[in-house]
Amino acid sequence: MEGFAKTSLSTTYAGGPDFRGNDSSLVSALKTLLFFTILMVTLPIGLYFASKAYIFEGSLQMSNSDSYFYAAIVAVLAVHVVLALFVYVAWNEGSAKGKGKHD
C-alpha cells in the first residue's frame, strides 16, 4: 500500500501530462491537422475559381452572375468533403492505436 501511495504522488506531482512517450503520435496528429488546414484553405478557393472560369462560364456558357452562384455551391461542397475526410481520418487515427495490442 505504501508503494502505491508513493507512485500516485509522484505521477500527480509531475505538473502535467507526460508527452515523452507520445511524441510520434503528437507529431502525427499535428501533421494531419496541418494537412487538412492547408486543404481547407486551398481546395475550396481553387475549385471556386476553376469551376467558375472553366466549367460554368467556359463549357456551359453561363452568365457571370449565374456562374458566381454555382461556383459558390461547388466551394461549399468542397468544404463539407474536407471536413468529412478530416473527421474520418481523425476517428480512424485514434482507434488504430488500440488495435495493435490485445492481450
N, C-alpha and C. Protein backbone atom coordinates (compact mmCIF):
# COMPACT_ATOMS: atom_id res chain seq x y z
N MET A 1 0.82 -1.20 0.00
CA MET A 1 0.00 0.00 0.00
C MET A 1 0.86 1.26 0.00
N GLU A 2 1.97 1.17 0.71
CA GLU A 2 2.86 2.31 0.79
C GLU A 2 3.48 2.64 -0.57
N GLY A 3 3.82 1.64 -1.35
CA GLY A 3 4.39 1.84 -2.69
C GLY A 3 3.38 2.47 -3.63
N PHE A 4 2.12 2.09 -3.46
CA PHE A 4 1.07 2.67 -4.30
C PHE A 4 0.92 4.17 -4.06
N ALA A 5 0.96 4.58 -2.79
CA ALA A 5 0.82 5.99 -2.46
C ALA A 5 2.00 6.79 -3.00
N LYS A 6 3.19 6.21 -2.89
CA LYS A 6 4.37 6.89 -3.38
C LYS A 6 4.31 7.07 -4.90
N THR A 7 3.85 6.04 -5.62
CA THR A 7 3.76 6.12 -7.07
C THR A 7 2.70 7.13 -7.49
N SER A 8 1.55 7.09 -6.85
CA SER A 8 0.49 8.01 -7.25
C SER A 8 0.87 9.46 -6.95
N LEU A 9 1.61 9.70 -5.86
CA LEU A 9 2.04 11.05 -5.57
C LEU A 9 3.07 11.54 -6.58
N SER A 10 3.96 10.67 -6.99
CA SER A 10 4.98 11.10 -7.93
C SER A 10 4.38 11.39 -9.31
N THR A 11 3.34 10.68 -9.71
CA THR A 11 2.75 10.95 -11.01
C THR A 11 1.88 12.19 -10.98
N THR A 12 1.22 12.47 -9.87
CA THR A 12 0.38 13.65 -9.82
C THR A 12 1.21 14.91 -9.57
N TYR A 13 2.36 14.77 -8.96
CA TYR A 13 3.19 15.92 -8.66
C TYR A 13 3.99 16.38 -9.88
N ALA A 14 4.04 15.60 -10.93
CA ALA A 14 4.87 15.91 -12.09
C ALA A 14 4.50 17.23 -12.74
N GLY A 15 3.31 17.74 -12.52
CA GLY A 15 2.98 19.06 -13.03
C GLY A 15 2.26 19.04 -14.37
N GLY A 16 1.76 17.95 -14.80
CA GLY A 16 1.03 17.90 -16.06
C GLY A 16 1.24 16.57 -16.77
N PRO A 17 0.64 16.45 -17.92
CA PRO A 17 0.74 15.19 -18.65
C PRO A 17 2.15 14.97 -19.20
N ASP A 18 2.53 13.72 -19.30
CA ASP A 18 3.85 13.34 -19.80
C ASP A 18 3.72 12.95 -21.26
N PHE A 19 4.29 13.77 -22.17
CA PHE A 19 4.18 13.53 -23.60
C PHE A 19 5.41 12.85 -24.18
N ARG A 20 6.36 12.46 -23.34
CA ARG A 20 7.60 11.89 -23.87
C ARG A 20 7.35 10.59 -24.63
N GLY A 21 6.45 9.77 -24.18
CA GLY A 21 6.16 8.51 -24.86
C GLY A 21 5.26 8.68 -26.07
N ASN A 22 4.62 9.83 -26.20
CA ASN A 22 3.65 10.05 -27.27
C ASN A 22 4.15 11.04 -28.31
N ASP A 23 5.46 11.23 -28.42
CA ASP A 23 5.98 12.21 -29.38
C ASP A 23 5.58 11.88 -30.81
N SER A 24 5.65 10.61 -31.19
CA SER A 24 5.32 10.25 -32.57
C SER A 24 3.83 10.44 -32.84
N SER A 25 2.98 10.13 -31.88
CA SER A 25 1.54 10.32 -32.10
C SER A 25 1.18 11.80 -32.11
N LEU A 26 1.88 12.60 -31.31
CA LEU A 26 1.62 14.04 -31.30
C LEU A 26 2.06 14.67 -32.62
N VAL A 27 3.22 14.27 -33.12
CA VAL A 27 3.70 14.78 -34.40
C VAL A 27 2.77 14.34 -35.53
N SER A 28 2.32 13.10 -35.46
CA SER A 28 1.40 12.60 -36.48
C SER A 28 0.08 13.38 -36.47
N ALA A 29 -0.43 13.67 -35.29
CA ALA A 29 -1.67 14.43 -35.19
C ALA A 29 -1.49 15.86 -35.72
N LEU A 30 -0.35 16.46 -35.42
CA LEU A 30 -0.10 17.82 -35.91
C LEU A 30 0.09 17.85 -37.42
N LYS A 31 0.72 16.82 -37.98
CA LYS A 31 0.87 16.74 -39.44
C LYS A 31 -0.49 16.58 -40.11
N THR A 32 -1.34 15.75 -39.51
CA THR A 32 -2.68 15.57 -40.05
C THR A 32 -3.46 16.88 -39.99
N LEU A 33 -3.39 17.57 -38.88
CA LEU A 33 -4.09 18.84 -38.73
C LEU A 33 -3.57 19.88 -39.72
N LEU A 34 -2.25 19.95 -39.90
CA LEU A 34 -1.67 20.90 -40.85
C LEU A 34 -2.10 20.58 -42.28
N PHE A 35 -2.10 19.30 -42.63
CA PHE A 35 -2.51 18.90 -43.97
C PHE A 35 -3.95 19.31 -44.26
N PHE A 36 -4.85 19.03 -43.32
CA PHE A 36 -6.25 19.36 -43.55
C PHE A 36 -6.51 20.86 -43.45
N THR A 37 -5.70 21.60 -42.71
CA THR A 37 -5.83 23.05 -42.67
C THR A 37 -5.48 23.65 -44.03
N ILE A 38 -4.36 23.18 -44.59
CA ILE A 38 -3.97 23.66 -45.92
C ILE A 38 -5.01 23.26 -46.97
N LEU A 39 -5.50 22.03 -46.86
CA LEU A 39 -6.52 21.57 -47.80
C LEU A 39 -7.80 22.38 -47.67
N MET A 40 -8.16 22.74 -46.44
CA MET A 40 -9.39 23.52 -46.21
C MET A 40 -9.30 24.91 -46.81
N VAL A 41 -8.11 25.46 -46.87
CA VAL A 41 -7.95 26.80 -47.43
C VAL A 41 -7.84 26.75 -48.95
N THR A 42 -7.03 25.85 -49.47
CA THR A 42 -6.72 25.87 -50.90
C THR A 42 -7.79 25.21 -51.77
N LEU A 43 -8.34 24.09 -51.35
CA LEU A 43 -9.27 23.34 -52.22
C LEU A 43 -10.55 24.12 -52.54
N PRO A 44 -11.27 24.66 -51.56
CA PRO A 44 -12.49 25.40 -51.92
C PRO A 44 -12.23 26.64 -52.78
N ILE A 45 -11.16 27.37 -52.46
CA ILE A 45 -10.86 28.57 -53.24
C ILE A 45 -10.46 28.19 -54.67
N GLY A 46 -9.62 27.18 -54.79
CA GLY A 46 -9.22 26.73 -56.12
C GLY A 46 -10.37 26.19 -56.93
N LEU A 47 -11.22 25.40 -56.30
CA LEU A 47 -12.39 24.86 -57.01
C LEU A 47 -13.38 25.97 -57.39
N TYR A 48 -13.49 26.98 -56.54
CA TYR A 48 -14.39 28.08 -56.85
C TYR A 48 -13.99 28.75 -58.16
N PHE A 49 -12.73 29.18 -58.22
CA PHE A 49 -12.28 29.92 -59.41
C PHE A 49 -12.17 29.02 -60.64
N ALA A 50 -11.73 27.78 -60.45
CA ALA A 50 -11.61 26.87 -61.59
C ALA A 50 -12.97 26.50 -62.16
N SER A 51 -13.92 26.18 -61.29
CA SER A 51 -15.25 25.81 -61.79
C SER A 51 -15.97 27.01 -62.41
N LYS A 52 -15.77 28.19 -61.83
CA LYS A 52 -16.41 29.38 -62.39
C LYS A 52 -15.88 29.68 -63.79
N ALA A 53 -14.56 29.65 -63.95
CA ALA A 53 -13.98 30.04 -65.23
C ALA A 53 -14.09 28.95 -66.29
N TYR A 54 -13.78 27.73 -65.92
CA TYR A 54 -13.67 26.67 -66.93
C TYR A 54 -14.94 25.87 -67.15
N ILE A 55 -15.69 25.63 -66.08
CA ILE A 55 -16.90 24.79 -66.23
C ILE A 55 -18.12 25.64 -66.54
N PHE A 56 -18.45 26.58 -65.62
CA PHE A 56 -19.72 27.29 -65.74
C PHE A 56 -19.70 28.37 -66.82
N GLU A 57 -18.62 29.15 -66.90
CA GLU A 57 -18.55 30.17 -67.94
C GLU A 57 -17.96 29.63 -69.23
N GLY A 58 -17.01 28.71 -69.13
CA GLY A 58 -16.34 28.18 -70.31
C GLY A 58 -17.16 27.12 -71.04
N SER A 59 -17.42 26.01 -70.37
CA SER A 59 -18.10 24.89 -71.02
C SER A 59 -19.62 25.08 -71.12
N LEU A 60 -20.22 25.56 -70.05
CA LEU A 60 -21.69 25.66 -70.01
C LEU A 60 -22.21 27.02 -70.49
N GLN A 61 -21.33 27.98 -70.76
CA GLN A 61 -21.70 29.30 -71.28
C GLN A 61 -22.72 30.03 -70.41
N MET A 62 -22.56 29.95 -69.08
CA MET A 62 -23.47 30.65 -68.17
C MET A 62 -23.09 32.12 -68.07
N SER A 63 -24.04 32.91 -67.59
CA SER A 63 -23.75 34.32 -67.36
C SER A 63 -22.83 34.47 -66.15
N ASN A 64 -22.28 35.66 -66.00
CA ASN A 64 -21.35 35.91 -64.91
C ASN A 64 -22.02 35.73 -63.54
N SER A 65 -23.22 36.24 -63.38
CA SER A 65 -23.90 36.14 -62.08
C SER A 65 -24.31 34.71 -61.75
N ASP A 66 -24.73 33.95 -62.77
CA ASP A 66 -25.08 32.54 -62.52
C ASP A 66 -23.84 31.72 -62.17
N SER A 67 -22.73 32.01 -62.82
CA SER A 67 -21.52 31.24 -62.55
C SER A 67 -20.99 31.50 -61.14
N TYR A 68 -21.18 32.72 -60.61
CA TYR A 68 -20.81 33.00 -59.22
C TYR A 68 -21.59 32.10 -58.26
N PHE A 69 -22.87 32.00 -58.50
CA PHE A 69 -23.75 31.22 -57.63
C PHE A 69 -23.36 29.74 -57.63
N TYR A 70 -23.21 29.15 -58.79
CA TYR A 70 -22.91 27.72 -58.87
C TYR A 70 -21.48 27.41 -58.42
N ALA A 71 -20.55 28.31 -58.67
CA ALA A 71 -19.19 28.10 -58.19
C ALA A 71 -19.14 28.16 -56.66
N ALA A 72 -19.95 29.00 -56.05
CA ALA A 72 -20.03 29.06 -54.58
C ALA A 72 -20.57 27.75 -54.02
N ILE A 73 -21.54 27.16 -54.70
CA ILE A 73 -22.07 25.87 -54.27
C ILE A 73 -20.98 24.80 -54.33
N VAL A 74 -20.18 24.81 -55.39
CA VAL A 74 -19.07 23.86 -55.50
C VAL A 74 -18.08 24.05 -54.36
N ALA A 75 -17.77 25.29 -54.01
CA ALA A 75 -16.83 25.57 -52.92
C ALA A 75 -17.38 25.11 -51.57
N VAL A 76 -18.66 25.33 -51.33
CA VAL A 76 -19.27 24.88 -50.07
C VAL A 76 -19.26 23.35 -49.99
N LEU A 77 -19.55 22.69 -51.09
CA LEU A 77 -19.49 21.22 -51.09
C LEU A 77 -18.06 20.73 -50.83
N ALA A 78 -17.07 21.43 -51.36
CA ALA A 78 -15.68 21.05 -51.11
C ALA A 78 -15.32 21.19 -49.63
N VAL A 79 -15.81 22.24 -48.99
CA VAL A 79 -15.58 22.41 -47.55
C VAL A 79 -16.16 21.24 -46.78
N HIS A 80 -17.37 20.84 -47.13
CA HIS A 80 -18.00 19.72 -46.43
C HIS A 80 -17.26 18.41 -46.67
N VAL A 81 -16.76 18.21 -47.85
CA VAL A 81 -15.99 16.99 -48.14
C VAL A 81 -14.70 16.97 -47.33
N VAL A 82 -14.00 18.09 -47.26
CA VAL A 82 -12.76 18.15 -46.49
C VAL A 82 -13.04 17.92 -45.00
N LEU A 83 -14.10 18.52 -44.49
CA LEU A 83 -14.46 18.29 -43.08
C LEU A 83 -14.81 16.83 -42.80
N ALA A 84 -15.54 16.21 -43.71
CA ALA A 84 -15.89 14.80 -43.53
C ALA A 84 -14.64 13.92 -43.58
N LEU A 85 -13.73 14.22 -44.49
CA LEU A 85 -12.48 13.47 -44.55
C LEU A 85 -11.64 13.64 -43.29
N PHE A 86 -11.62 14.86 -42.75
CA PHE A 86 -10.88 15.09 -41.52
C PHE A 86 -11.47 14.29 -40.36
N VAL A 87 -12.77 14.29 -40.24
CA VAL A 87 -13.41 13.53 -39.17
C VAL A 87 -13.13 12.04 -39.34
N TYR A 88 -13.20 11.54 -40.56
CA TYR A 88 -12.93 10.13 -40.83
C TYR A 88 -11.49 9.76 -40.47
N VAL A 89 -10.53 10.58 -40.90
CA VAL A 89 -9.12 10.30 -40.60
C VAL A 89 -8.85 10.40 -39.10
N ALA A 90 -9.39 11.40 -38.45
CA ALA A 90 -9.19 11.57 -37.01
C ALA A 90 -9.82 10.42 -36.23
N TRP A 91 -10.96 9.96 -36.65
CA TRP A 91 -11.63 8.84 -35.98
C TRP A 91 -10.80 7.56 -36.12
N ASN A 92 -10.30 7.29 -37.31
CA ASN A 92 -9.52 6.08 -37.54
C ASN A 92 -8.12 6.18 -36.93
N GLU A 93 -7.56 7.37 -36.85
CA GLU A 93 -6.24 7.54 -36.24
C GLU A 93 -6.29 7.24 -34.76
N GLY A 94 -7.35 7.62 -34.11
CA GLY A 94 -7.49 7.35 -32.68
C GLY A 94 -7.76 5.89 -32.37
N SER A 95 -8.47 5.19 -33.23
CA SER A 95 -8.80 3.80 -32.95
C SER A 95 -7.72 2.84 -33.44
N ALA A 96 -6.80 3.28 -34.29
CA ALA A 96 -5.75 2.40 -34.80
C ALA A 96 -4.75 2.05 -33.71
N LYS A 97 -4.58 2.90 -32.70
CA LYS A 97 -3.63 2.64 -31.64
C LYS A 97 -4.06 1.48 -30.77
N GLY A 98 -5.34 1.34 -30.55
CA GLY A 98 -5.83 0.27 -29.68
C GLY A 98 -5.89 -1.08 -30.35
N LYS A 99 -5.84 -1.13 -31.67
CA LYS A 99 -5.96 -2.40 -32.38
C LYS A 99 -4.70 -3.23 -32.32
N GLY A 100 -3.55 -2.61 -32.09
CA GLY A 100 -2.28 -3.31 -32.14
C GLY A 100 -2.04 -4.22 -30.96
N LYS A 101 -2.51 -3.87 -29.78
CA LYS A 101 -2.24 -4.63 -28.57
C LYS A 101 -3.52 -5.26 -28.02
N HIS A 102 -3.56 -6.56 -28.09
CA HIS A 102 -4.66 -7.30 -27.45
C HIS A 102 -4.04 -8.45 -26.68
N ASP A 103 -4.15 -8.41 -25.35
CA ASP A 103 -3.59 -9.48 -24.51
C ASP A 103 -4.67 -10.36 -23.97
